[in-house]
Amino acid sequence: MNTKTLLMVAFSCLAANSAFAGTNTWTTGWAMGTTEYAVDDGNGNELVIACPSDDDRYVSASATVNGRGYSSEDGRGFDLIVDGKTFHNPFYTDCRACSSIFTHEFWGALRNANRLQFSAQGKVFNLPTENLKAVLPALNDENNSCLAAW
């Protein structure tokens, strides 16, 4: 094989193993030691939850809304509204209280959400919940690598 063919094969393998947000449904994928759970609303607005399999790294999330990127690792992060309850930057778990909210309230509420909304800078957008519970594992599932920092 020539170099060009090898590169195409390599990029195809990477693409096949990445989580791509399913339009209006939750999907999962794995890439570079991280399980990803993703959803988009069909309008380019998406949420991606990253759960590294490395014990030294913890859950994080990113969102793209109207072309603007948000990350749980930034100062403000973003909020998720689950069935009317607002969780402020719920994927930021690098404090004891934050971690407790993530593990004892947020994750279970997210898995069982009937209505999910993204909120940042005064704007609120709906995100689909289809296939959410089937894709997102329970925290006590042995295959779940979504760990809180505390």
C-alpha atoms as a PDB file:
ATOM      1  CA  MET A   1       0.000   0.000   0.000  1.00  0.00           C
ATOM      2  CA  ASN A   2       1.153   3.498  -0.649  1.00  0.00           C
ATOM      3  CA  THR A   3       1.279   6.247   1.986  1.00  0.00           C
ATOM      4  CA  LYS A   4      -1.916   7.898   0.789  1.00  0.00           C
ATOM      5  CA  THR A   5      -3.882   4.644   1.100  1.00  0.00           C
ATOM      6  CA  LEU A   6      -2.494   3.986   4.589  1.00  0.00           C
ATOM      7  CA  LEU A   7      -3.522   7.448   5.743  1.00  0.00           C
ATOM      8  CA  MET A   8      -7.027   6.985   4.363  1.00  0.00           C
ATOM      9  CA  VAL A   9      -7.373   3.651   6.183  1.00  0.00           C
ATOM     10  CA  ALA A  10      -6.091   5.192   9.436  1.00  0.00           C
ATOM     11  CA  PHE A  11      -8.509   8.133   9.254  1.00  0.00           C
ATOM     12  CA  SER A  12     -11.387   5.787   8.421  1.00  0.00           C
ATOM     13  CA  CYS A  13     -10.639   3.720  11.523  1.00  0.00           C
ATOM     14  CA  LEU A  14     -10.530   6.822  13.702  1.00  0.00           C
ATOM     15  CA  ALA A  15     -13.793   8.072  12.290  1.00  0.00           C
ATOM     16  CA  ALA A  16     -15.476   4.706  12.781  1.00  0.00           C
ATOM     17  CA  ASN A  17     -14.529   4.660  16.468  1.00  0.00           C
ATOM     18  CA  SER A  18     -15.542   8.205  17.356  1.00  0.00           C
ATOM     19  CA  ALA A  19     -18.883   9.140  18.833  1.00  0.00           C
ATOM     20  CA  PHE A  20     -20.869  11.190  16.422  1.00  0.00           C
ATOM     21  CA  ALA A  21     -23.949  12.848  17.734  1.00  0.00           C
ATOM     22  CA  GLY A  22     -27.004  11.157  16.378  1.00  0.00           C
ATOM     23  CA  THR A  23     -29.564  13.530  14.988  1.00  0.00           C
ATOM     24  CA  ASN A  24     -32.372  13.631  17.548  1.00  0.00           C
ATOM     25  CA  THR A  25     -31.130  10.485  19.295  1.00  0.00           C
ATOM     26  CA  TRP A  26     -28.352   9.664  21.728  1.00  0.00           C
ATOM     27  CA  THR A  27     -25.378   7.674  20.462  1.00  0.00           C
ATOM     28  CA  THR A  28     -22.187   6.303  21.951  1.00  0.00           C
ATOM     29  CA  GLY A  29     -18.702   5.745  20.635  1.00  0.00           C
ATOM     30  CA  TRP A  30     -15.156   5.211  21.776  1.00  0.00           C
ATOM     31  CA  ALA A  31     -12.013   7.022  20.692  1.00  0.00           C
ATOM     32  CA  MET A  32      -8.528   7.384  22.129  1.00  0.00           C
ATOM     33  CA  GLY A  33      -9.365   5.841  25.510  1.00  0.00           C
ATOM     34  CA  THR A  34     -12.569   7.811  26.004  1.00  0.00           C
ATOM     35  CA  THR A  35     -16.189   6.727  25.815  1.00  0.00           C
ATOM     36  CA  GLU A  36     -18.351   9.482  24.402  1.00  0.00           C
ATOM     37  CA  TYR A  37     -22.108   9.952  24.603  1.00  0.00           C
ATOM     38  CA  ALA A  38     -23.547  12.463  22.162  1.00  0.00           C
ATOM     39  CA  VAL A  39     -26.756  13.977  20.858  1.00  0.00           C
ATOM     40  CA  ASP A  40     -27.691  16.800  18.502  1.00  0.00           C
ATOM     41  CA  ASP A  41     -30.970  18.477  17.712  1.00  0.00           C
ATOM     42  CA  GLY A  42     -30.601  18.383  13.926  1.00  0.00           C
ATOM     43  CA  ASN A  43     -29.751  22.099  13.823  1.00  0.00           C
ATOM     44  CA  GLY A  44     -26.067  21.770  14.705  1.00  0.00           C
ATOM     45  CA  ASN A  45     -26.616  22.118  18.451  1.00  0.00           C
ATOM     46  CA  GLU A  46     -25.005  19.201  20.260  1.00  0.00           C
ATOM     47  CA  LEU A  47     -23.909  17.866  23.617  1.00  0.00           C
ATOM     48  CA  VAL A  48     -20.988  15.449  24.020  1.00  0.00           C
ATOM     49  CA  ILE A  49     -20.154  13.753  27.337  1.00  0.00           C
ATOM     50  CA  ALA A  50     -16.595  12.403  27.537  1.00  0.00           C
ATOM     51  CA  CYS A  51     -15.752   9.611  29.982  1.00  0.00           C
ATOM     52  CA  PRO A  52     -12.049   8.645  29.916  1.00  0.00           C
ATOM     53  CA  SER A  53     -11.057   5.094  30.828  1.00  0.00           C
ATOM     54  CA  ASP A  54      -7.910   6.494  32.490  1.00  0.00           C
ATOM     55  CA  ASP A  55      -8.382   6.712  36.299  1.00  0.00           C
ATOM     56  CA  ASP A  56      -6.445   9.992  36.379  1.00  0.00           C
ATOM     57  CA  ARG A  57      -9.016  11.808  34.210  1.00  0.00           C
ATOM     58  CA  TYR A  58     -12.660  12.500  34.946  1.00  0.00           C
ATOM     59  CA  VAL A  59     -15.969  13.113  33.214  1.00  0.00           C
ATOM     60  CA  SER A  60     -16.310  16.279  31.177  1.00  0.00           C
ATOM     61  CA  ALA A  61     -18.696  17.595  28.577  1.00  0.00           C
ATOM     62  CA  SER A  62     -18.778  20.003  25.701  1.00  0.00           C
ATOM     63  CA  ALA A  63     -21.613  21.584  23.809  1.00  0.00           C
ATOM     64  CA  THR A  64     -21.980  23.486  20.583  1.00  0.00           C
ATOM     65  CA  VAL A  65     -24.915  25.859  20.314  1.00  0.00           C
ATOM     66  CA  ASN A  66     -25.416  28.158  17.326  1.00  0.00           C
ATOM     67  CA  GLY A  67     -21.807  27.546  16.326  1.00  0.00           C
ATOM     68  CA  ARG A  68     -20.396  28.537  19.713  1.00  0.00           C
ATOM     69  CA  GLY A  69     -18.504  26.009  21.817  1.00  0.00           C
ATOM     70  CA  TYR A  70     -18.893  25.504  25.556  1.00  0.00           C
ATOM     71  CA  SER A  71     -16.919  23.240  27.892  1.00  0.00           C
ATOM     72  CA  SER A  72     -17.522  22.011  31.425  1.00  0.00           C
ATOM     73  CA  GLU A  73     -13.839  22.634  32.033  1.00  0.00           C
ATOM     74  CA  ASP A  74     -14.117  26.379  31.366  1.00  0.00           C
ATOM     75  CA  GLY A  75     -14.812  28.756  34.226  1.00  0.00           C
ATOM     76  CA  ARG A  76     -18.542  29.142  33.627  1.00  0.00           C
ATOM     77  CA  GLY A  77     -19.237  25.961  31.759  1.00  0.00           C
ATOM     78  CA  PHE A  78     -22.892  25.542  30.925  1.00  0.00           C
ATOM     79  CA  ASP A  79     -26.056  24.419  32.642  1.00  0.00           C
ATOM     80  CA  LEU A  80     -28.418  21.585  31.859  1.00  0.00           C
ATOM     81  CA  ILE A  81     -32.071  21.729  32.797  1.00  0.00           C
ATOM     82  CA  VAL A  82     -33.457  18.257  33.429  1.00  0.00           C
ATOM     83  CA  ASP A  83     -37.242  18.038  33.717  1.00  0.00           C
ATOM     84  CA  GLY A  84     -37.350  21.638  34.952  1.00  0.00           C
ATOM     85  CA  LYS A  85     -34.469  21.390  37.466  1.00  0.00           C
ATOM     86  CA  THR A  86     -31.355  23.420  36.656  1.00  0.00           C
ATOM     87  CA  PHE A  87     -27.959  21.831  37.242  1.00  0.00           C
ATOM     88  CA  HIS A  88     -25.173  24.426  37.143  1.00  0.00           C
ATOM     89  CA  ASN A  89     -22.152  23.134  35.177  1.00  0.00           C
ATOM     90  CA  PRO A  90     -22.990  19.560  36.248  1.00  0.00           C
ATOM     91  CA  PHE A  91     -19.986  17.927  34.570  1.00  0.00           C
ATOM     92  CA  TYR A  92     -17.526  19.977  36.612  1.00  0.00           C
ATOM     93  CA  THR A  93     -16.763  17.628  39.514  1.00  0.00           C
ATOM     94  CA  ASP A  94     -13.499  19.025  40.856  1.00  0.00           C
ATOM     95  CA  CYS A  95     -14.950  20.009  44.219  1.00  0.00           C
ATOM     96  CA  ARG A  96     -16.549  17.815  46.873  1.00  0.00           C
ATOM     97  CA  ALA A  97     -20.008  19.412  46.637  1.00  0.00           C
ATOM     98  CA  CYS A  98     -19.897  19.406  42.808  1.00  0.00           C
ATOM     99  CA  SER A  99     -18.978  15.746  42.762  1.00  0.00           C
ATOM    100  CA  SER A 100     -21.742  14.882  45.221  1.00  0.00           C
ATOM    101  CA  ILE A 101     -24.372  16.622  43.088  1.00  0.00           C
ATOM    102  CA  PHE A 102     -23.078  14.818  39.986  1.00  0.00           C
ATOM    103  CA  THR A 103     -23.171  11.355  41.564  1.00  0.00           C
ATOM    104  CA  HIS A 104     -26.229  11.643  43.824  1.00  0.00           C
ATOM    105  CA  GLU A 105     -28.578  13.822  41.803  1.00  0.00           C
ATOM    106  CA  PHE A 106     -27.560  14.802  38.314  1.00  0.00           C
ATOM    107  CA  TRP A 107     -26.533  11.531  36.612  1.00  0.00           C
ATOM    108  CA  GLY A 108     -29.690   9.660  37.619  1.00  0.00           C
ATOM    109  CA  ALA A 109     -31.889  12.595  36.656  1.00  0.00           C
ATOM    110  CA  LEU A 110     -30.122  12.874  33.289  1.00  0.00           C
ATOM    111  CA  ARG A 111     -30.561   9.165  32.504  1.00  0.00           C
ATOM    112  CA  ASN A 112     -34.288   9.400  33.248  1.00  0.00           C
ATOM    113  CA  ALA A 113     -34.904  12.792  31.612  1.00  0.00           C
ATOM    114  CA  ASN A 114     -38.128  13.379  29.758  1.00  0.00           C
ATOM    115  CA  ARG A 115     -37.116  16.941  28.899  1.00  0.00           C
ATOM    116  CA  LEU A 116     -33.526  18.117  28.535  1.00  0.00           C
ATOM    117  CA  GLN A 117     -32.405  21.676  27.901  1.00  0.00           C
ATOM    118  CA  PHE A 118     -29.029  23.367  27.502  1.00  0.00           C
ATOM    119  CA  SER A 119     -28.579  26.819  29.036  1.00  0.00           C
ATOM    120  CA  ALA A 120     -25.739  29.326  28.712  1.00  0.00           C
ATOM    121  CA  GLN A 121     -25.541  33.112  28.591  1.00  0.00           C
ATOM    122  CA  GLY A 122     -29.292  33.505  29.001  1.00  0.00           C
ATOM    123  CA  LYS A 123     -30.171  31.243  26.080  1.00  0.00           C
ATOM    124  CA  VAL A 124     -32.018  27.935  26.417  1.00  0.00           C
ATOM    125  CA  PHE A 125     -32.191  25.190  23.781  1.00  0.00           C
ATOM    126  CA  ASN A 126     -33.980  21.857  23.829  1.00  0.00           C
ATOM    127  CA  LEU A 127     -31.981  18.660  23.380  1.00  0.00           C
ATOM    128  CA  PRO A 128     -33.491  15.299  22.438  1.00  0.00           C
ATOM    129  CA  THR A 129     -33.874  12.537  25.024  1.00  0.00           C
ATOM    130  CA  GLU A 130     -34.599   9.688  22.606  1.00  0.00           C
ATOM    131  CA  ASN A 131     -32.492   6.599  23.383  1.00  0.00           C
ATOM    132  CA  LEU A 132     -30.889   8.420  26.353  1.00  0.00           C
ATOM    133  CA  LYS A 133     -31.484   5.787  29.038  1.00  0.00           C
ATOM    134  CA  ALA A 134     -30.484   2.960  26.694  1.00  0.00           C
ATOM    135  CA  VAL A 135     -27.186   4.671  25.799  1.00  0.00           C
ATOM    136  CA  LEU A 136     -26.122   6.347  29.052  1.00  0.00           C
ATOM    137  CA  PRO A 137     -25.140   3.705  31.644  1.00  0.00           C
ATOM    138  CA  ALA A 138     -25.997   3.846  35.338  1.00  0.00           C
ATOM    139  CA  LEU A 139     -23.168   5.173  37.499  1.00  0.00           C
ATOM    140  CA  ASN A 140     -22.788   1.792  39.213  1.00  0.00           C
ATOM    141  CA  ASP A 141     -22.549  -0.056  35.875  1.00  0.00           C
ATOM    142  CA  GLU A 142     -19.148  -1.769  35.722  1.00  0.00           C
ATOM    143  CA  ASN A 143     -18.679  -0.511  32.151  1.00  0.00           C
ATOM    144  CA  ASN A 144     -19.302   3.138  33.071  1.00  0.00           C
ATOM    145  CA  SER A 145     -16.079   5.171  33.022  1.00  0.00           C
ATOM    146  CA  CYS A 146     -17.814   8.456  33.884  1.00  0.00           C
ATOM    147  CA  LEU A 147     -16.016   9.198  37.125  1.00  0.00           C
ATOM    148  CA  ALA A 148     -16.345  12.278  39.303  1.00  0.00           C
ATOM    149  CA  ALA A 149     -13.108  13.896  40.476  1.00  0.00           C
ATOM    150  CA  TRP A 150     -13.972  13.532  44.201  1.00  0.00           C
END
